[in-house]
Amino acid sequence: MELQQPLSNVQEEVLKLYSLNLSPEELTELKTLLGKFYALKASREADQVWEREQLSDDIMDQWLSK
């Protein structure tokens, strides 16, 4: 099988993880770490949108009551 495009940096790092034999606890820790990483990214992006769009708690309450 021939690759049509090179692997991304993320794909290369994930392939390195496949060579490890993680314990169930380590695997759980890795999943938790990845989840926290993406949750933080999403939260920061939401904060940027909130500021850029000049949103407020009052606006959110209005949206939720519709």
Foldseek 3Di string as FASTA:
>chain_A
DDDPDDDDPVVVVVVVVVVDDDDPVVVVVVVVVVVVVVVVVVVVVVVVCCVVVVHDPVNVVVVVVD
